[in-house]
Amino acid sequence: MEIILDKKPKNSILIEGFPGFGFVSTITTEFLIEHLNAKQIGRIESNNIMPMVAMHNSKLVDPLGVFYDPAHNIVIFHAITNVAGLEWELAEKLSALARELKVKEVISIEGVASNSEESRAFFYSNISKSTELLKKIKIEPLKEGIIMGVTGALLLKSKLPMSAIFVETHSQLPDSRAAAKVIEVLDKYLNLKVDYKPLLEKAEQFESKLKTMMQQKNKAEEEKDKKELSYFG
């Protein structure tokens, strides 16, 4: 696995979001990229992920892309492909890159299963100043829960300045409303000046786009499996 960057911005905030419950992190990072007009500055390459590339508006979309918003000095890791089995390696590579770029803070985004009717947000942070600010904007610390995936690996293995935003989601399908809640939190936390009225509309558009990509990806995987069965059979 290798993270390839065309630019290496220093002292930035790094936001990572990998597909998880409700695809909250993927929708959130997608929205941030468009809202902040972030430009792609790199990608994550690995022979252990499915060789797949998506097309959107006649443009190639990397399954694991790195984007940069110079106005807010934010680096965004955006993923539209499953990274199961690569969590430890991804966490190791992200940690090394964060140290190289001297990032001020890593912010992880995760959806958590819930039966609640509303999408409440919670946080964890090992930075006292961030903890105070998140409490000030009325986000409660996560007191009980299981944290898995790349975020779990980062929390266990890295000693980076790190915060995580968790939001309740009610479906394994893309949950744009939960993603909108994360955007609301990030807006207040990072002072991004998001216009909330069109936010949910945008999020729902991303949800539709992501559903289409998932369907196409699943179809491609089914065709691949059929070919392999035909070959071995």
C-alpha atoms as a PDB file:
ATOM      1  CA  MET A   1       0.000   0.000   0.000  1.00  0.00           C
ATOM      2  CA  GLU A   2       1.196   3.484  -0.864  1.00  0.00           C
ATOM      3  CA  ILE A   3      -0.189   6.994  -0.387  1.00  0.00           C
ATOM      4  CA  ILE A   4       0.814   9.073  -3.410  1.00  0.00           C
ATOM      5  CA  LEU A   5       0.536  12.873  -3.079  1.00  0.00           C
ATOM      6  CA  ASP A   6       1.195  15.657  -5.582  1.00  0.00           C
ATOM      7  CA  LYS A   7       1.223  18.207  -2.746  1.00  0.00           C
ATOM      8  CA  LYS A   8       2.139  17.885   0.928  1.00  0.00           C
ATOM      9  CA  PRO A   9       0.409  20.679   2.866  1.00  0.00           C
ATOM     10  CA  LYS A  10       1.791  21.203   6.366  1.00  0.00           C
ATOM     11  CA  ASN A  11       0.049  21.863   9.693  1.00  0.00           C
ATOM     12  CA  SER A  12      -3.345  20.941   8.257  1.00  0.00           C
ATOM     13  CA  ILE A  13      -6.394  19.258   9.737  1.00  0.00           C
ATOM     14  CA  LEU A  14      -6.835  15.745   8.331  1.00  0.00           C
ATOM     15  CA  ILE A  15     -10.382  14.375   8.009  1.00  0.00           C
ATOM     16  CA  GLU A  16     -10.671  10.668   7.289  1.00  0.00           C
ATOM     17  CA  GLY A  17     -13.815   8.805   6.317  1.00  0.00           C
ATOM     18  CA  PHE A  18     -13.955   5.173   5.217  1.00  0.00           C
ATOM     19  CA  PRO A  19     -17.138   3.235   4.368  1.00  0.00           C
ATOM     20  CA  GLY A  20     -18.907   2.027   7.491  1.00  0.00           C
ATOM     21  CA  PHE A  21     -22.361   1.789   8.971  1.00  0.00           C
ATOM     22  CA  GLY A  22     -24.794   3.980   7.026  1.00  0.00           C
ATOM     23  CA  PHE A  23     -21.960   5.122   4.723  1.00  0.00           C
ATOM     24  CA  VAL A  24     -22.035   8.282   6.839  1.00  0.00           C
ATOM     25  CA  SER A  25     -18.326   9.043   6.478  1.00  0.00           C
ATOM     26  CA  THR A  26     -18.371   8.609   2.688  1.00  0.00           C
ATOM     27  CA  ILE A  27     -21.359  10.938   2.215  1.00  0.00           C
ATOM     28  CA  THR A  28     -19.843  13.456   4.637  1.00  0.00           C
ATOM     29  CA  THR A  29     -16.441  13.592   2.942  1.00  0.00           C
ATOM     30  CA  GLU A  30     -18.117  13.737  -0.481  1.00  0.00           C
ATOM     31  CA  PHE A  31     -20.148  16.747   0.627  1.00  0.00           C
ATOM     32  CA  LEU A  32     -17.118  18.460   2.149  1.00  0.00           C
ATOM     33  CA  ILE A  33     -15.114  18.006  -1.049  1.00  0.00           C
ATOM     34  CA  GLU A  34     -17.833  19.666  -3.133  1.00  0.00           C
ATOM     35  CA  HIS A  35     -18.777  22.361  -0.616  1.00  0.00           C
ATOM     36  CA  LEU A  36     -15.177  23.404   0.054  1.00  0.00           C
ATOM     37  CA  ASN A  37     -14.206  22.985  -3.613  1.00  0.00           C
ATOM     38  CA  ALA A  38     -11.366  20.741  -2.486  1.00  0.00           C
ATOM     39  CA  LYS A  39      -9.055  19.493  -5.223  1.00  0.00           C
ATOM     40  CA  GLN A  40      -7.612  16.017  -5.502  1.00  0.00           C
ATOM     41  CA  ILE A  41      -3.944  15.933  -4.544  1.00  0.00           C
ATOM     42  CA  GLY A  42      -3.390  12.203  -4.374  1.00  0.00           C
ATOM     43  CA  ARG A  43      -4.654   8.671  -3.925  1.00  0.00           C
ATOM     44  CA  ILE A  44      -4.092   5.498  -1.956  1.00  0.00           C
ATOM     45  CA  GLU A  45      -2.907   2.593  -4.090  1.00  0.00           C
ATOM     46  CA  SER A  46      -2.980  -1.036  -3.029  1.00  0.00           C
ATOM     47  CA  ASN A  47      -2.964  -4.365  -4.857  1.00  0.00           C
ATOM     48  CA  ASN A  48      -5.257  -5.688  -2.126  1.00  0.00           C
ATOM     49  CA  ILE A  49      -8.328  -3.666  -3.094  1.00  0.00           C
ATOM     50  CA  MET A  50     -10.638  -4.541  -5.961  1.00  0.00           C
ATOM     51  CA  PRO A  51      -9.386  -2.973  -9.234  1.00  0.00           C
ATOM     52  CA  MET A  52     -12.394  -0.692  -9.635  1.00  0.00           C
ATOM     53  CA  VAL A  53     -12.823   2.925 -10.689  1.00  0.00           C
ATOM     54  CA  ALA A  54     -16.102   4.838 -10.720  1.00  0.00           C
ATOM     55  CA  MET A  55     -17.236   7.362 -13.350  1.00  0.00           C
ATOM     56  CA  HIS A  56     -19.083  10.559 -12.354  1.00  0.00           C
ATOM     57  CA  ASN A  57     -19.848  13.396 -14.788  1.00  0.00           C
ATOM     58  CA  SER A  58     -17.487  11.706 -17.276  1.00  0.00           C
ATOM     59  CA  LYS A  59     -14.639  11.849 -14.756  1.00  0.00           C
ATOM     60  CA  LEU A  60     -12.801   9.010 -13.056  1.00  0.00           C
ATOM     61  CA  VAL A  61     -13.337   8.748  -9.289  1.00  0.00           C
ATOM     62  CA  ASP A  62     -10.525   7.033  -7.382  1.00  0.00           C
ATOM     63  CA  PRO A  63     -11.758   4.415  -4.903  1.00  0.00           C
ATOM     64  CA  LEU A  64      -9.412   5.946  -2.294  1.00  0.00           C
ATOM     65  CA  GLY A  65      -8.737   9.617  -2.992  1.00  0.00           C
ATOM     66  CA  VAL A  66      -6.979  12.428  -1.126  1.00  0.00           C
ATOM     67  CA  PHE A  67      -8.292  15.994  -1.444  1.00  0.00           C
ATOM     68  CA  TYR A  68      -7.147  19.386  -0.187  1.00  0.00           C
ATOM     69  CA  ASP A  69      -8.937  22.620   0.713  1.00  0.00           C
ATOM     70  CA  PRO A  70      -6.293  25.382   0.978  1.00  0.00           C
ATOM     71  CA  ALA A  71      -8.766  27.986   2.296  1.00  0.00           C
ATOM     72  CA  HIS A  72      -9.227  26.036   5.537  1.00  0.00           C
ATOM     73  CA  ASN A  73      -6.019  23.977   5.256  1.00  0.00           C
ATOM     74  CA  ILE A  74      -7.963  20.708   5.393  1.00  0.00           C
ATOM     75  CA  VAL A  75      -6.856  17.376   3.896  1.00  0.00           C
ATOM     76  CA  ILE A  76      -9.704  14.930   3.241  1.00  0.00           C
ATOM     77  CA  PHE A  77      -9.389  11.173   2.763  1.00  0.00           C
ATOM     78  CA  HIS A  78     -12.409   9.988   0.767  1.00  0.00           C
ATOM     79  CA  ALA A  79     -13.232   6.328   0.131  1.00  0.00           C
ATOM     80  CA  ILE A  80     -15.984   4.687  -1.918  1.00  0.00           C
ATOM     81  CA  THR A  81     -14.687   1.137  -1.708  1.00  0.00           C
ATOM     82  CA  ASN A  82     -14.647  -1.477   1.027  1.00  0.00           C
ATOM     83  CA  VAL A  83     -11.376  -1.543   2.984  1.00  0.00           C
ATOM     84  CA  ALA A  84     -12.137  -4.608   5.128  1.00  0.00           C
ATOM     85  CA  GLY A  85      -8.904  -6.411   5.976  1.00  0.00           C
ATOM     86  CA  LEU A  86      -6.776  -3.319   5.325  1.00  0.00           C
ATOM     87  CA  GLU A  87      -7.621  -1.398   8.507  1.00  0.00           C
ATOM     88  CA  TRP A  88      -4.290  -1.886  10.306  1.00  0.00           C
ATOM     89  CA  GLU A  89      -2.238  -1.093   7.217  1.00  0.00           C
ATOM     90  CA  LEU A  90      -4.318   1.986   6.428  1.00  0.00           C
ATOM     91  CA  ALA A  91      -4.000   3.216  10.002  1.00  0.00           C
ATOM     92  CA  GLU A  92      -0.237   2.726   9.857  1.00  0.00           C
ATOM     93  CA  LYS A  93       0.089   4.619   6.547  1.00  0.00           C
ATOM     94  CA  LEU A  94      -2.222   7.424   7.691  1.00  0.00           C
ATOM     95  CA  SER A  95      -0.302   7.794  10.947  1.00  0.00           C
ATOM     96  CA  ALA A  96       3.024   8.030   9.121  1.00  0.00           C
ATOM     97  CA  LEU A  97       1.647  10.602   6.685  1.00  0.00           C
ATOM     98  CA  ALA A  98       0.056  12.648   9.477  1.00  0.00           C
ATOM     99  CA  ARG A  99       3.406  12.832  11.255  1.00  0.00           C
ATOM    100  CA  GLU A 100       5.170  13.776   7.999  1.00  0.00           C
ATOM    101  CA  LEU A 101       2.655  16.566   7.301  1.00  0.00           C
ATOM    102  CA  LYS A 102       2.728  17.642  10.965  1.00  0.00           C
ATOM    103  CA  VAL A 103      -1.070  17.679  11.075  1.00  0.00           C
ATOM    104  CA  LYS A 104      -2.664  19.655  13.883  1.00  0.00           C
ATOM    105  CA  GLU A 105      -5.485  17.161  14.305  1.00  0.00           C
ATOM    106  CA  VAL A 106      -6.917  14.006  12.755  1.00  0.00           C
ATOM    107  CA  ILE A 107     -10.722  13.956  12.680  1.00  0.00           C
ATOM    108  CA  SER A 108     -12.396  10.590  12.122  1.00  0.00           C
ATOM    109  CA  ILE A 109     -16.039  10.220  11.102  1.00  0.00           C
ATOM    110  CA  GLU A 110     -18.088   7.159  11.981  1.00  0.00           C
ATOM    111  CA  GLY A 111     -21.720   6.063  11.905  1.00  0.00           C
ATOM    112  CA  VAL A 112     -22.961   4.011  14.878  1.00  0.00           C
ATOM    113  CA  ALA A 113     -26.043   1.790  14.982  1.00  0.00           C
ATOM    114  CA  SER A 114     -29.008   3.182  16.874  1.00  0.00           C
ATOM    115  CA  ASN A 115     -32.733   2.686  17.378  1.00  0.00           C
ATOM    116  CA  SER A 116     -33.194   6.365  18.181  1.00  0.00           C
ATOM    117  CA  GLU A 117     -35.442   8.373  15.850  1.00  0.00           C
ATOM    118  CA  GLU A 118     -32.990  11.246  15.702  1.00  0.00           C
ATOM    119  CA  SER A 119     -29.382  11.231  14.576  1.00  0.00           C
ATOM    120  CA  ARG A 120     -27.542  12.329  17.699  1.00  0.00           C
ATOM    121  CA  ALA A 121     -23.836  13.110  17.501  1.00  0.00           C
ATOM    122  CA  PHE A 122     -21.136  12.166  20.023  1.00  0.00           C
ATOM    123  CA  PHE A 123     -17.392  12.648  20.159  1.00  0.00           C
ATOM    124  CA  TYR A 124     -14.097  11.359  21.477  1.00  0.00           C
ATOM    125  CA  SER A 125     -10.937  13.474  21.622  1.00  0.00           C
ATOM    126  CA  ASN A 126      -7.504  13.177  23.197  1.00  0.00           C
ATOM    127  CA  ILE A 127      -7.052  16.963  22.842  1.00  0.00           C
ATOM    128  CA  SER A 128      -8.224  18.997  25.838  1.00  0.00           C
ATOM    129  CA  LYS A 129      -8.933  22.136  23.778  1.00  0.00           C
ATOM    130  CA  SER A 130     -11.013  20.154  21.283  1.00  0.00           C
ATOM    131  CA  THR A 131     -12.916  18.459  24.097  1.00  0.00           C
ATOM    132  CA  GLU A 132     -13.841  21.834  25.569  1.00  0.00           C
ATOM    133  CA  LEU A 133     -14.941  23.209  22.191  1.00  0.00           C
ATOM    134  CA  LEU A 134     -17.060  20.159  21.304  1.00  0.00           C
ATOM    135  CA  LYS A 135     -18.781  20.327  24.685  1.00  0.00           C
ATOM    136  CA  LYS A 136     -19.333  24.046  24.147  1.00  0.00           C
ATOM    137  CA  ILE A 137     -21.241  23.375  20.928  1.00  0.00           C
ATOM    138  CA  LYS A 138     -23.339  20.859  22.889  1.00  0.00           C
ATOM    139  CA  ILE A 139     -21.906  17.583  21.595  1.00  0.00           C
ATOM    140  CA  GLU A 140     -21.743  14.873  24.254  1.00  0.00           C
ATOM    141  CA  PRO A 141     -18.709  12.608  24.727  1.00  0.00           C
ATOM    142  CA  LEU A 142     -19.221   8.970  23.741  1.00  0.00           C
ATOM    143  CA  LYS A 143     -19.376   7.087  27.038  1.00  0.00           C
ATOM    144  CA  GLU A 144     -20.092   3.545  25.851  1.00  0.00           C
ATOM    145  CA  GLY A 145     -19.609   1.904  22.471  1.00  0.00           C
ATOM    146  CA  ILE A 146     -17.516  -0.227  20.145  1.00  0.00           C
ATOM    147  CA  ILE A 147     -15.245   1.543  17.660  1.00  0.00           C
ATOM    148  CA  MET A 148     -14.082  -0.572  14.737  1.00  0.00           C
ATOM    149  CA  GLY A 149     -12.458  -0.104  11.350  1.00  0.00           C
ATOM    150  CA  VAL A 150      -9.694   2.350  10.495  1.00  0.00           C
ATOM    151  CA  THR A 151     -10.778   4.674  13.316  1.00  0.00           C
ATOM    152  CA  GLY A 152     -10.456   1.876  15.861  1.00  0.00           C
ATOM    153  CA  ALA A 153      -7.005   0.972  14.537  1.00  0.00           C
ATOM    154  CA  LEU A 154      -5.891   4.622  14.650  1.00  0.00           C
ATOM    155  CA  LEU A 155      -7.084   5.035  18.218  1.00  0.00           C
ATOM    156  CA  LEU A 156      -5.265   1.883  19.301  1.00  0.00           C
ATOM    157  CA  LYS A 157      -1.991   2.296  17.451  1.00  0.00           C
ATOM    158  CA  SER A 158      -1.313   5.965  16.840  1.00  0.00           C
ATOM    159  CA  LYS A 159      -0.398   8.706  19.273  1.00  0.00           C
ATOM    160  CA  LEU A 160      -1.685  11.467  17.026  1.00  0.00           C
ATOM    161  CA  PRO A 161      -3.751  14.449  18.196  1.00  0.00           C
ATOM    162  CA  MET A 162      -7.111  12.959  17.300  1.00  0.00           C
ATOM    163  CA  SER A 163     -10.840  13.535  17.564  1.00  0.00           C
ATOM    164  CA  ALA A 164     -13.702  11.359  16.333  1.00  0.00           C
ATOM    165  CA  ILE A 165     -17.256  12.383  15.518  1.00  0.00           C
ATOM    166  CA  PHE A 166     -19.851   9.621  15.864  1.00  0.00           C
ATOM    167  CA  VAL A 167     -23.437   9.921  14.660  1.00  0.00           C
ATOM    168  CA  GLU A 168     -26.350   7.571  15.153  1.00  0.00           C
ATOM    169  CA  THR A 169     -27.635   5.984  11.966  1.00  0.00           C
ATOM    170  CA  HIS A 170     -30.603   3.720  11.459  1.00  0.00           C
ATOM    171  CA  SER A 171     -29.837   1.833   8.301  1.00  0.00           C
ATOM    172  CA  GLN A 172     -27.114  -0.106   6.571  1.00  0.00           C
ATOM    173  CA  LEU A 173     -28.089   1.840   3.443  1.00  0.00           C
ATOM    174  CA  PRO A 174     -26.582   5.303   2.846  1.00  0.00           C
ATOM    175  CA  ASP A 175     -27.966   7.634   5.539  1.00  0.00           C
ATOM    176  CA  SER A 176     -27.825  11.223   4.304  1.00  0.00           C
ATOM    177  CA  ARG A 177     -29.608  12.637   7.352  1.00  0.00           C
ATOM    178  CA  ALA A 178     -26.960  11.252   9.689  1.00  0.00           C
ATOM    179  CA  ALA A 179     -24.263  12.670   7.398  1.00  0.00           C
ATOM    180  CA  ALA A 180     -25.993  16.066   7.534  1.00  0.00           C
ATOM    181  CA  LYS A 181     -25.694  15.964  11.324  1.00  0.00           C
ATOM    182  CA  VAL A 182     -21.939  15.361  11.047  1.00  0.00           C
ATOM    183  CA  ILE A 183     -21.642  18.313   8.655  1.00  0.00           C
ATOM    184  CA  GLU A 184     -23.497  20.470  11.170  1.00  0.00           C
ATOM    185  CA  VAL A 185     -21.042  19.489  13.899  1.00  0.00           C
ATOM    186  CA  LEU A 186     -17.985  20.039  11.680  1.00  0.00           C
ATOM    187  CA  ASP A 187     -19.336  23.403  10.555  1.00  0.00           C
ATOM    188  CA  LYS A 188     -19.541  24.655  14.138  1.00  0.00           C
ATOM    189  CA  TYR A 189     -16.296  22.979  15.162  1.00  0.00           C
ATOM    190  CA  LEU A 190     -14.184  24.174  12.207  1.00  0.00           C
ATOM    191  CA  ASN A 191     -16.144  27.330  11.317  1.00  0.00           C
ATOM    192  CA  LEU A 192     -16.760  26.234   7.723  1.00  0.00           C
ATOM    193  CA  LYS A 193     -19.827  28.477   7.220  1.00  0.00           C
ATOM    194  CA  VAL A 194     -22.068  25.816   5.688  1.00  0.00           C
ATOM    195  CA  ASP A 195     -25.458  26.959   4.410  1.00  0.00           C
ATOM    196  CA  TYR A 196     -27.669  24.425   6.180  1.00  0.00           C
ATOM    197  CA  LYS A 197     -30.786  24.794   4.027  1.00  0.00           C
ATOM    198  CA  PRO A 198     -29.417  23.154   0.869  1.00  0.00           C
ATOM    199  CA  LEU A 199     -27.290  20.786   2.924  1.00  0.00           C
ATOM    200  CA  LEU A 200     -29.846  17.995   3.198  1.00  0.00           C
ATOM    201  CA  GLU A 201     -30.783  18.283  -0.478  1.00  0.00           C
ATOM    202  CA  LYS A 202     -27.125  17.923  -1.385  1.00  0.00           C
ATOM    203  CA  ALA A 203     -26.672  15.056   1.036  1.00  0.00           C
ATOM    204  CA  GLU A 204     -29.631  13.238  -0.534  1.00  0.00           C
ATOM    205  CA  GLN A 205     -28.102  13.755  -3.987  1.00  0.00           C
ATOM    206  CA  PHE A 206     -24.869  12.212  -2.716  1.00  0.00           C
ATOM    207  CA  GLU A 207     -26.908   9.374  -1.222  1.00  0.00           C
ATOM    208  CA  SER A 208     -28.482   8.662  -4.605  1.00  0.00           C
ATOM    209  CA  LYS A 209     -25.098   8.870  -6.329  1.00  0.00           C
ATOM    210  CA  LEU A 210     -23.542   6.532  -3.765  1.00  0.00           C
ATOM    211  CA  LYS A 211     -26.393   4.017  -4.123  1.00  0.00           C
ATOM    212  CA  THR A 212     -25.801   3.963  -7.886  1.00  0.00           C
ATOM    213  CA  MET A 213     -22.051   3.429  -7.367  1.00  0.00           C
ATOM    214  CA  MET A 214     -22.736   0.619  -4.864  1.00  0.00           C
ATOM    215  CA  GLN A 215     -25.111  -1.089  -7.289  1.00  0.00           C
ATOM    216  CA  GLN A 216     -22.571  -0.851 -10.094  1.00  0.00           C
ATOM    217  CA  LYS A 217     -19.800  -2.110  -7.803  1.00  0.00           C
ATOM    218  CA  ASN A 218     -21.929  -5.071  -6.640  1.00  0.00           C
ATOM    219  CA  LYS A 219     -22.782  -5.908 -10.244  1.00  0.00           C
ATOM    220  CA  ALA A 220     -19.093  -5.777 -11.197  1.00  0.00           C
ATOM    221  CA  GLU A 221     -18.202  -8.072  -8.292  1.00  0.00           C
ATOM    222  CA  GLU A 222     -20.947 -10.534  -9.284  1.00  0.00           C
ATOM    223  CA  GLU A 223     -19.665 -10.598 -12.881  1.00  0.00           C
ATOM    224  CA  LYS A 224     -16.120 -11.139 -11.592  1.00  0.00           C
ATOM    225  CA  ASP A 225     -17.281 -14.059  -9.406  1.00  0.00           C
ATOM    226  CA  LYS A 226     -19.155 -15.612 -12.341  1.00  0.00           C
ATOM    227  CA  LYS A 227     -16.058 -15.426 -14.535  1.00  0.00           C
ATOM    228  CA  GLU A 228     -13.905 -17.019 -11.822  1.00  0.00           C
ATOM    229  CA  LEU A 229     -16.431 -19.850 -11.299  1.00  0.00           C
ATOM    230  CA  SER A 230     -16.591 -20.421 -15.053  1.00  0.00           C
ATOM    231  CA  TYR A 231     -12.796 -20.512 -15.245  1.00  0.00           C
ATOM    232  CA  PHE A 232     -12.323 -22.975 -12.376  1.00  0.00           C
ATOM    233  CA  GLY A 233     -15.380 -25.031 -13.251  1.00  0.00           C
END
